[in-house]
Each structure stands twice: as structure tokens, then as C-alpha cells.
Protein backbone atom coordinates (compact mmCIF):
# COMPACT_ATOMS: atom_id res chain seq x y z
CA MET A 1 76.77 89.94 127.53
CA THR A 2 77.00 94.01 128.32
CA ASN A 3 76.34 96.04 125.65
CA GLN A 4 79.86 97.53 125.80
CA THR A 5 81.76 93.73 125.08
CA ALA A 6 78.83 93.16 122.59
CA LYS A 7 80.13 96.50 120.55
CA GLU A 8 82.93 96.09 117.78
CA PRO A 9 86.41 97.28 118.70
CA ALA A 10 86.58 101.08 117.61
CA GLU A 11 89.87 100.08 115.04
CA THR A 12 87.63 97.81 112.76
CA GLY A 13 84.60 99.77 112.87
CA TRP A 14 82.60 100.95 109.96
CA GLN A 15 84.29 104.75 110.46
CA THR A 16 87.96 103.65 110.44
CA GLN A 17 87.35 101.08 107.65
CA LEU A 18 85.50 104.21 105.28
CA ARG A 19 88.44 106.68 106.12
CA ALA A 20 90.72 103.28 105.26
CA GLY A 21 89.40 102.54 102.30
CA GLY A 22 88.65 106.03 101.04
CA THR A 23 92.51 107.32 101.54
CA ALA A 24 93.85 103.73 99.61
CA ALA A 25 91.80 104.33 96.95
CA GLY A 26 91.75 107.80 96.67
CA THR A 27 95.86 107.65 96.13
CA LEU A 28 95.24 105.21 92.77
CA LEU A 29 93.13 108.36 91.12
CA ALA A 30 96.40 108.99 89.26
CA THR A 31 97.04 105.46 88.11
CA LEU A 32 93.50 105.10 86.54
CA VAL A 33 94.28 108.01 84.32
CA VAL A 34 97.77 107.57 83.68
CA VAL A 35 97.87 103.94 82.34
CA PRO A 36 95.50 104.53 80.08
CA ASN A 37 96.31 107.47 78.12
CA LEU A 38 100.00 105.73 77.95
CA LEU A 39 98.29 102.71 76.36
CA ALA A 40 96.22 105.00 74.06
CA GLN A 41 99.75 106.37 72.94
CA LEU A 42 100.17 102.77 71.35
CA GLY A 43 97.24 103.04 69.25
CA MET A 44 95.08 101.18 71.97
CA PRO A 45 91.19 102.68 72.10
CA PHE A 46 91.12 105.07 75.46
CA THR A 47 87.48 103.78 76.20
CA GLY A 48 88.56 100.21 76.19
CA ALA A 49 92.31 100.65 78.13
CA TYR A 50 90.59 102.53 80.81
CA THR A 51 87.74 99.93 81.27
CA ALA A 52 90.03 97.01 81.84
CA CYS A 53 92.21 98.99 83.98
CA VAL A 54 89.84 99.99 86.39
CA VAL A 55 88.49 95.95 86.41
CA THR A 56 91.38 94.04 86.56
CA MET A 57 91.99 96.72 89.56
CA LEU A 58 88.68 95.28 91.26
CA LEU A 59 89.67 91.91 90.68
CA GLY A 60 93.34 92.30 92.48
CA MET A 61 91.52 93.98 95.00
CA LEU A 62 89.12 90.73 95.50
CA ALA A 63 91.94 88.43 95.49
CA LEU A 64 94.10 90.54 97.82
CA ALA A 65 90.30 90.67 100.11
CA TRP A 66 90.19 86.56 100.05
CA LEU A 67 93.77 86.54 101.12
CA ARG A 68 92.98 89.07 103.97
CA ILE A 69 95.75 91.50 102.99
CA PRO A 70 94.59 95.41 103.38
CA LEU A 71 95.93 96.79 100.20
CA LEU A 72 95.04 97.12 96.96
CA ALA A 73 96.83 96.07 93.43
CA ALA A 74 97.32 98.71 90.48
CA PRO A 75 99.63 99.17 87.71
CA ASP A 76 102.73 100.67 88.29
CA MET A 77 102.95 103.63 86.35
CA ALA A 78 106.95 103.63 86.11
CA LEU A 79 106.64 99.89 84.85
CA ALA A 80 104.12 101.01 82.41
CA GLY A 81 106.21 103.88 81.63
CA TRP A 82 108.97 101.41 80.80
CA LEU A 83 106.86 99.35 78.73
CA VAL A 84 105.19 102.42 76.56
CA TYR A 85 107.98 104.32 76.02
CA LEU A 86 111.22 102.30 75.75
CA VAL A 87 109.70 98.99 74.59
CA GLY A 88 106.64 99.85 73.18
CA ILE A 89 107.49 103.30 70.92
CA SER A 90 111.55 103.25 71.34
CA GLN A 91 111.42 99.30 70.30
CA GLY A 92 108.72 99.17 68.00
CA LEU A 93 106.72 96.72 69.61
CA SER A 94 102.88 96.87 69.66
CA TRP A 95 100.52 97.16 72.49
CA GLN A 96 98.97 93.37 71.18
CA GLN A 97 102.88 92.17 71.70
CA LEU A 98 102.97 93.71 75.02
CA LEU A 99 99.83 92.38 76.13
CA GLY A 100 100.83 88.71 75.25
CA ILE A 101 104.10 89.19 76.58
CA GLY A 102 102.22 90.51 79.80
CA ALA A 103 100.22 87.36 79.79
CA LEU A 104 103.09 84.62 79.22
CA VAL A 105 104.75 86.38 81.83
CA SER A 106 101.97 85.86 84.17
CA VAL A 107 101.46 82.30 83.72
CA ALA A 108 105.79 81.58 83.80
CA GLY A 109 105.46 84.07 87.23
CA ALA A 110 102.37 81.85 88.61
CA VAL A 111 104.28 78.20 87.88
CA LEU A 112 107.25 80.02 89.01
CA PHE A 113 105.63 80.96 92.90
CA GLN A 114 103.96 77.19 93.41
CA THR A 115 107.97 75.79 93.26
CA ALA A 116 110.09 74.87 95.60
CA PHE A 117 112.39 77.67 93.03
CA GLY A 118 110.22 80.22 93.20
CA ARG A 119 109.61 80.00 96.89
CA CYS A 120 113.45 80.22 97.77
CA ILE A 121 114.28 83.36 95.25
CA PRO A 122 112.84 85.84 98.23
CA GLN A 123 114.98 83.88 100.90
CA SER A 124 118.30 84.75 99.06
CA LEU A 125 117.89 88.27 100.04
CA PRO A 126 120.05 88.79 103.16
CA ARG A 127 117.76 89.93 105.62
CA ILE A 128 119.17 94.01 106.33
CA ILE A 129 117.96 93.72 102.96
CA TRP A 130 114.23 93.24 103.87
CA GLN A 131 114.79 95.37 107.07
CA ALA A 132 115.78 98.54 105.06
CA LEU A 133 113.14 98.35 102.69
CA PRO A 134 109.80 99.88 104.45
CA VAL A 135 112.67 102.59 104.79
CA GLY A 136 113.33 102.90 100.92
CA ILE A 137 109.23 102.73 100.08
CA GLY A 138 109.15 105.06 102.78
CA GLY A 139 111.21 107.33 101.08
CA MET A 140 109.94 106.57 97.62
CA LEU A 141 106.65 107.63 98.55
CA VAL A 142 107.71 110.82 100.48
CA LEU A 143 109.64 111.90 97.20
CA MET A 144 106.52 110.98 94.64
CA GLY A 145 104.21 113.44 97.34
CA LEU A 146 106.85 116.19 96.90
CA THR A 147 107.23 116.03 93.48
CA GLN A 148 103.59 115.21 92.30
CA GLY A 149 102.57 118.36 94.58
CA HIS A 150 105.43 120.61 92.72
CA LEU A 151 106.99 120.88 96.23
CA ILE A 152 110.55 119.98 94.92
CA LEU A 153 111.57 120.55 90.94
CA PRO A 154 113.71 119.15 88.72
CA SER A 155 117.16 121.45 88.98
CA ALA A 156 120.22 121.59 86.29
CA TYR A 157 122.36 122.17 88.96
CA GLY A 158 121.50 119.53 91.60
CA LEU A 159 118.85 116.61 92.09
CA ALA A 160 116.27 119.15 92.77
CA MET A 161 115.14 122.83 93.77
CA LEU A 162 112.68 123.51 96.00
CA GLY A 163 108.95 124.39 94.09
CA ASN A 164 107.78 127.66 94.16
CA PHE A 165 104.56 128.33 96.26
CA GLN A 166 103.07 130.47 94.15
CA ASP A 167 101.93 127.73 92.19
CA PRO A 168 98.58 126.59 93.41
CA LEU A 169 99.65 122.92 93.64
CA ALA A 170 102.71 123.37 95.97
CA TYR A 171 100.72 125.77 98.04
CA PHE A 172 97.48 123.61 98.91
CA GLY A 173 100.07 120.35 98.89
CA LEU A 174 101.94 122.08 101.73
CA VAL A 175 99.08 123.01 103.45
CA GLY A 176 97.43 119.57 103.21
CA ILE A 177 100.83 117.97 104.35
CA LEU A 178 100.36 120.59 107.09
CA ILE A 179 97.45 119.88 108.14
CA THR A 180 97.67 115.85 108.19
CA LEU A 181 100.81 116.10 110.52
CA ALA A 182 98.67 118.57 112.89
CA LEU A 183 96.35 115.91 113.19
CA LEU A 184 98.88 113.31 113.70
CA GLY A 185 100.48 115.04 116.28
CA LEU A 186 97.23 115.08 117.62
CA GLN A 187 96.37 111.96 117.64
CA VAL A 188 93.35 112.08 115.69
CA SER A 189 91.69 108.94 114.35
CA GLY A 190 92.07 108.95 110.66
CA ALA A 191 94.61 111.58 110.24
CA LEU A 192 95.45 110.81 106.35
CA PHE A 193 91.52 110.44 105.45
CA TYR A 194 90.96 113.45 107.03
CA GLY A 195 93.88 115.35 105.76
CA LEU A 196 92.81 114.21 102.12
CA LEU A 197 89.76 115.55 102.67
CA ILE A 198 90.39 119.03 103.96
CA THR A 199 93.09 119.36 101.18
CA ALA A 200 89.92 118.07 98.84
CA VAL A 201 87.47 120.74 99.92
CA LEU A 202 89.64 123.76 100.20
CA ALA A 203 90.83 122.93 96.63
CA PHE A 204 86.99 123.01 95.43
CA ALA A 205 86.31 125.79 97.43
CA GLU A 206 89.05 127.98 94.94
CA GLY A 207 87.61 126.62 92.11
CA PHE A 208 90.40 124.28 91.06
CA TRP A 209 88.25 121.49 90.47
CA VAL A 210 84.75 121.56 88.33
CA LEU A 211 82.36 119.12 87.94
CA PRO A 212 82.61 118.04 84.43
CA ALA A 213 78.95 118.84 82.33
CA ALA A 214 78.92 115.22 81.73
CA PRO A 215 80.77 113.62 84.70
CA PHE A 216 79.69 109.98 83.70
CA PHE A 217 81.09 107.72 81.79
CA GLN A 218 79.32 104.54 79.85
CA PRO A 219 82.08 101.63 80.48
CA GLU A 220 82.90 100.39 76.55
CA GLY A 221 85.81 99.53 74.73
CA LEU A 222 86.39 96.20 75.83
CA ASP A 223 85.18 94.63 72.73
CA CYS A 224 88.56 96.65 70.98
CA THR A 225 90.85 95.07 73.88
CA VAL A 226 89.89 91.85 74.99
CA LEU A 227 91.64 88.77 73.40
CA GLN A 228 93.89 90.85 71.09
CA LEU A 229 97.45 89.46 72.93
CA ASN A 230 99.33 88.80 70.35
CA LEU A 231 103.02 86.83 70.28
CA VAL A 232 104.35 87.01 66.99
CA ALA A 233 107.49 88.20 66.54
CA VAL A 234 107.91 89.55 62.33
CA SER A 235 111.65 89.10 62.50
CA ALA A 236 114.60 87.64 64.81
CA PRO A 237 115.66 90.56 66.28
CA GLU A 238 112.30 91.42 67.21
CA ALA A 239 111.65 88.18 68.88
CA VAL A 240 114.97 89.03 70.90
CA ARG A 241 113.37 92.33 72.33
CA MET A 242 110.14 89.91 73.31
CA LEU A 243 112.25 87.83 75.15
CA GLY A 244 114.27 90.25 77.23
CA THR A 245 111.65 92.24 77.72
CA GLY A 246 109.20 88.79 79.11
CA LEU A 247 112.41 87.87 81.74
CA THR A 248 112.88 91.77 82.94
CA LEU A 249 109.34 91.99 83.60
CA LEU A 250 108.85 88.71 85.51
CA LEU A 251 112.26 89.61 87.56
CA THR A 252 110.53 93.47 87.85
CA LEU A 253 107.17 91.86 88.99
CA SER A 254 108.17 88.93 91.11
CA VAL A 255 110.03 91.38 92.99
CA LEU A 256 107.63 94.43 93.06
CA HIS A 257 104.65 92.09 94.48
CA TRP A 258 106.85 90.42 97.11
CA GLY A 259 109.31 93.00 98.24
CA THR A 260 106.05 95.32 98.61
CA LEU A 261 104.06 92.79 100.58
CA GLN A 262 107.10 92.38 102.56
CA ALA A 263 107.42 96.06 103.35
CA LEU A 264 103.77 96.94 103.94
CA CYS A 265 102.26 93.53 105.68
CA PRO A 266 105.77 91.83 107.52
CA GLY A 267 103.13 89.72 109.87
CA VAL A 268 101.50 87.57 106.32
CA SER A 269 104.18 85.70 105.57
CA GLU A 270 102.32 82.54 105.56
CA ARG A 271 100.52 83.96 102.71
CA LYS A 272 103.20 85.83 100.88
CA THR A 273 103.89 82.95 98.60
CA GLN A 274 99.87 82.54 97.55
CA ALA A 275 99.37 85.93 97.34
CA VAL A 276 102.18 86.72 94.84
CA SER A 277 100.94 83.55 92.43
CA VAL A 278 97.83 84.97 92.53
CA LEU A 279 98.86 88.92 91.66
CA PHE A 280 100.40 86.72 88.49
CA GLY A 281 96.74 84.93 87.85
CA ILE A 282 94.89 88.38 88.03
CA ASN A 283 98.04 89.84 85.86
CA LEU A 284 96.74 86.99 82.89
CA LEU A 285 93.01 88.01 83.31
CA GLY A 286 94.23 91.62 83.01
CA SER A 287 96.07 91.00 80.13
CA LEU A 288 93.33 88.82 78.51
CA LEU A 289 90.99 91.87 79.27
CA GLY A 290 93.44 94.89 77.52
CA THR A 291 95.70 96.37 80.28
CA LEU A 292 99.11 96.09 81.88
CA PRO A 293 100.11 94.25 84.44
CA VAL A 294 99.37 94.95 88.41
CA THR A 295 101.09 94.69 91.59
CA ILE A 296 100.82 96.01 94.88
CA ALA A 297 100.51 99.69 95.16
CA PRO A 298 102.94 101.13 97.64
CA ALA A 299 100.31 104.33 97.51
CA SER A 300 97.69 102.12 99.25
CA ALA A 301 99.77 102.21 102.14
CA GLY A 302 97.90 104.73 103.35
CA GLY A 303 94.96 102.21 104.11
CA ILE A 304 96.60 99.69 106.10
CA LEU A 305 98.21 102.82 108.33
CA SER A 306 95.07 104.45 108.58
CA GLY A 307 93.88 100.80 110.67
CA GLY A 308 92.74 99.59 107.52
CA GLN A 309 91.44 95.30 107.33
CA GLY A 310 88.43 93.16 106.69
CA ARG A 311 85.56 93.31 104.58
CA LYS A 312 84.47 96.73 105.53
CA PHE A 313 87.45 97.99 104.20
CA PHE A 314 87.63 96.05 101.06
CA LEU A 315 83.72 97.16 100.85
CA THR A 316 84.64 100.71 100.91
CA ALA A 317 87.43 100.56 98.34
CA GLY A 318 85.58 98.67 95.83
CA LEU A 319 82.94 100.78 95.70
CA LEU A 320 84.90 104.02 95.33
CA LEU A 321 87.03 102.22 92.31
CA LEU A 322 83.56 100.73 90.93
CA LEU A 323 82.25 104.61 90.76
CA ALA A 324 85.44 105.36 89.29
CA LEU A 325 84.55 102.92 86.49
CA PHE A 326 81.24 105.12 85.70
CA SER A 327 83.26 108.50 86.63
CA GLU A 328 86.35 108.82 84.43
CA PRO A 329 85.60 112.72 83.22
CA VAL A 330 85.25 113.38 87.07
CA VAL A 331 88.48 111.07 87.79
CA ALA A 332 90.20 112.64 84.67
CA GLY A 333 89.40 116.22 86.78
CA LEU A 334 90.79 115.34 90.00
CA ALA A 335 94.01 113.86 88.42
CA ASP A 336 94.77 116.98 86.69
CA PHE A 337 95.23 118.79 89.99
CA PRO A 338 95.82 115.79 92.35
CA VAL A 339 96.40 118.02 95.52
CA MET A 340 94.36 115.69 97.49
CA THR A 341 97.06 112.63 97.41
CA ILE A 342 99.66 114.63 97.92
CA PRO A 343 99.57 114.33 102.01
CA VAL A 344 98.36 110.87 101.61
CA LEU A 345 101.76 109.94 99.66
CA THR A 346 103.91 112.09 101.95
CA VAL A 347 103.26 111.32 105.16
CA SER A 348 102.63 107.51 104.41
CA GLY A 349 106.05 107.55 103.36
CA PHE A 350 106.91 109.43 106.91
CA LEU A 351 105.67 106.80 108.63
CA LEU A 352 107.14 104.08 107.02
CA ILE A 353 110.05 105.35 107.04
CA ARG A 354 109.69 105.84 111.25
CA ARG A 355 108.20 102.39 111.32
CA GLY A 356 111.27 101.15 109.29
CA ILE A 357 113.82 102.57 111.90
CA ALA A 358 111.89 101.57 114.89
CA SER A 359 112.03 97.93 114.04
CA TRP A 360 115.90 98.14 113.81
CA GLY A 361 116.05 98.66 117.67
CA ALA A 362 119.43 98.22 119.31
CA ALA A 363 120.78 96.43 116.46
CA ALA A 364 121.65 99.46 114.07
CA GLY A 365 124.64 100.21 115.92
CA HIS A 366 126.37 96.75 115.01
CA ILE A 367 125.54 96.62 111.59
CA GLU A 368 128.82 95.73 109.38
CA LEU A 369 130.01 97.37 106.26
CA PRO A 370 128.60 95.07 103.72
CA GLU A 371 124.85 95.31 105.06
CA MET A 372 125.48 98.70 106.05
CA ALA A 373 126.37 99.85 102.59
CA ALA A 374 123.47 97.66 101.06
CA ALA A 375 121.15 99.26 103.25
CA VAL A 376 122.19 102.93 102.42
CA SER A 377 122.18 101.82 98.56
CA LEU A 378 118.80 100.75 98.86
CA ILE A 379 117.34 103.73 100.96
CA VAL A 380 118.94 105.86 98.35
CA VAL A 381 118.57 104.56 94.81
CA MET A 382 114.95 103.18 95.67
CA PRO A 383 113.48 106.88 96.37
CA VAL A 384 115.67 108.61 93.88
CA SER A 385 114.82 106.18 90.83
CA GLY A 386 111.23 105.62 91.87
CA ASN A 387 111.67 102.00 91.47
CA VAL A 388 111.44 99.27 94.22
CA THR A 389 113.64 96.38 91.57
CA ALA A 390 116.58 99.08 91.35
CA GLY A 391 116.57 99.78 94.74
CA LEU A 392 116.74 95.75 95.74
CA GLY A 393 118.65 94.94 92.79
CA SER A 394 121.27 97.93 93.77
CA ALA A 395 121.31 96.42 97.22
CA LEU A 396 121.91 93.32 96.97
CA ILE A 397 124.44 93.69 93.95
CA CYS A 398 126.30 96.00 96.70
CA TRP A 399 126.23 93.23 99.88
CA CYS A 400 127.46 90.34 97.64
CA LEU A 401 130.81 92.38 96.43
CA LEU A 402 131.49 93.78 99.49
CA THR A 403 131.31 90.23 101.22
CA VAL A 404 133.23 88.71 98.75
CA CYS A 405 135.63 91.25 99.73
CA SER A 406 135.36 90.93 102.67
CA GLY A 407 136.74 87.16 102.30
CA ARG A 408 133.34 85.79 103.46
CA TRP A 409 132.57 84.66 99.68
CA ARG A 410 131.27 81.19 101.10
CA CYS A 411 128.89 82.55 103.06
CA ILE A 412 126.78 83.46 100.07
CA PRO A 413 123.91 80.88 99.14
CA TRP A 414 123.35 79.75 95.50
CA GLY A 415 119.84 81.69 95.32
CA THR A 416 121.65 84.78 96.45
CA TRP A 417 124.23 84.45 93.34
CA LEU A 418 121.72 83.35 91.18
CA LEU A 419 119.83 86.53 91.95
CA SER A 420 122.25 88.80 91.45
CA LEU A 421 123.26 87.69 88.36
CA LEU A 422 119.38 87.85 87.43
CA PHE A 423 119.59 91.45 88.92
CA LEU A 424 122.84 92.47 87.22
CA LEU A 425 120.90 91.76 83.61
CA TYR A 426 118.28 93.40 84.62
CA PHE A 427 120.82 96.76 84.70
CA LEU A 428 122.56 95.76 81.53
CA TYR A 429 118.83 95.17 79.45
CA GLY A 430 117.51 98.52 80.66
CA THR A 431 116.37 99.95 84.21
CA ILE A 432 112.73 101.24 84.63
């Protein structure tokens, strides 16, 4: 065997996987700080919440590595915001009760996706919705990057307005996006990682990041959060609120797990059901440790788009997450000026949109009204709301309504009717 034959293919080499792992892990810095801070607002000790969050993310990464799915798991910030602000603070549930609801939902979800009923739920969504899903998630990532970088701001006269480029975050974010797109146009391998790295170096050189005097953090606080979950309701109205939260959370996590897998890894269909059940199992462990449920992180798409695969990818990402476990002050400083993630989120979204549109091919010109309306609904609602579940729910309800109006109601499977009803109840109870 010649040396050339014995060499590892470039796309699976260490250099590529180091870049992909660094890209994927780097996009989750904000999550590591935001979610523990949210739980701290409900009275949970921050140190325990941070440690439990990172440990659960590491467990989720190991589970996905076992299934050979090159993505990372993390708490969804929109979901965490809903649980803390609308369920916890507004409805008066404690963080212990949220952990209890998360544990019960995790057991129910793991069991559900081991049954024939659970496995048929994803098949109840029309094909056009799955085809539009990468475009919707791509648009969500683009808007997430632009909003996080202050390149677009809320406006009193419309949905958004252009940001102020005298804002250092907006200026360096735009520079990072342009550099990453230029590297992509030059077909540089690892363009996303190099865009992230160059943007980070520029921000550090200009003094927007300063290493704290005490950069390391001793993981502690789990003694205050482990096994603190509680499912006891003090009144009948509180029991109803907990039940409604549990049902909504079960639907939301099921859609987030399956939908994100379908959008980012369309080629691993035989492992998707197993992955969903495993993620529910990880969420049970997370609830026992003291954190909110994790799901597939759409932001980690930067890793798979950079060629991430195999043990080397997960080893790199895992080491970075392990380092974050001991470096909370540094992570907090990076999250305060999150310029390095802006080009990764924005350009990853652009690549997903391009991939999703390319998959439609010539069939895009022959889509009927119900299918087109469902696709447009998903592509618009998902980025604007930043919510995968809301996008899928609005698309499915729209598809069912127009299919009935076209006289083809007999073609709608019973599973689709059931899923539409569940989404309708989700919207009535309160979207995230």
C-alpha cells in the first residue's frame, strides 16, 4: 500500500475535524451563560445551574457521538425563556417543579418514541414541510446572527430596522460575515471556522475582550440542584398549569428533536427515532442534575457544514465543552460581546437555505396551493418567531385547512389530523 493510499482522506483528517468541532462548540457559548442565568432568576444557585447545564450538554454530545450524528445538544434558549418567564415567574411554578415536569416529560417521550404510535408521528407531516424545514431553520439562524450582532434592531414602524454601525458589535459582526463569505467564495476549507477565528482575533486586538483576573471556575453547586425536582401541586389550578406545561413541553421537544435532525441530517433516517429516545433519556438525567431539557442545537449546524464527522469531531467539541466547565468567567466575557458567533450563525443559515432550495429541484415549479402555502408559512413564521415548533405547527395547520378547502380532505391521514389538533392546542395554550 502506498503512502498516498494509506493517508486519511482530507475531509476526515484532524485539521478538518478540529475546525468543525471548534465551530460547533463556539456557537454554544451564549447558551452556556444565558440558561443558568435564567434559572438563577427563579432562585436556583447559578453555580449549580451552570455545572448541571455543561455536564448535561457533555452527556448529550456523547449520546450523539454514539449514534454517529455530528451535532451537539444544548438547552434551547427560546424554550428556556418560555419555561422561566411565562411558566415559572408568571404562573408561579418553582424551578424544582420545572425540573419535575422535565423529568416526567422525558420519561413519557422516551416511551412514546419506542411505540408504533410515536414512530408514526413524524410521518404525519407532509413531505413539502420536511423539504422546507432546512430553509426555515436557515432563515432562523440568519436572523439570529443578525439580531445577536445588532445588525438589525427592533423597530416601532416595522418588524426591524438596520443597526447602527457605530456599534462595535454591529461593525465587527458585519466584518466577520464579509470575511467568512469571502473565504467561502474562495473555496477555503474550513471557511466558517476561520471566519470565527479572525473575527475573534480582531475583537480581542481592539480590546473588547479582556481576560478576567480569575479566569477559572471550580465546578460546584450540584449538591444544591441534584434530585431537587418536585411534582407536587399545592392547588388544583397549579396542577392544571403543570399538566398543560407538560403536554406542551412534550410536543415541543418531540418536534425540536425530530425536526432539527431531519433538517440538518437528512441521511440518517434509520437512527432518528433512536436519537429522539436517547435525547429524552439525556433530558431525564439533566432534570435529575438540575437543568432544563436539551435538544439538538441548530447553531451547531456550523460543525456539520464544515465537514464535521467521526470521533475527532466529537473529541474536539467535547474538550472545548469540558474546558468551558472550568472557565465560566471567560465564557461569560465572550458571551457579553458575542461577535465570534455572528458570522458562523449567519453564514451557516445561508448555506442551509442554499441546500434546502437546491433539494427542491425542478419540482419547485409544480407545487400545488396547499403545499406552497405550507412552505411559505414555515419559511416566514420560523425565522420571525425564532421557533421551530411554531413554524411547523403553522405550516401543518395551513396545509390541512387548504387541503380540506380543495376537496381532498379524505387524503389527510389520521395521524396528520391528530398532530394538527395537538399543534392547535399548543397555539391556544401559548406559543414559546
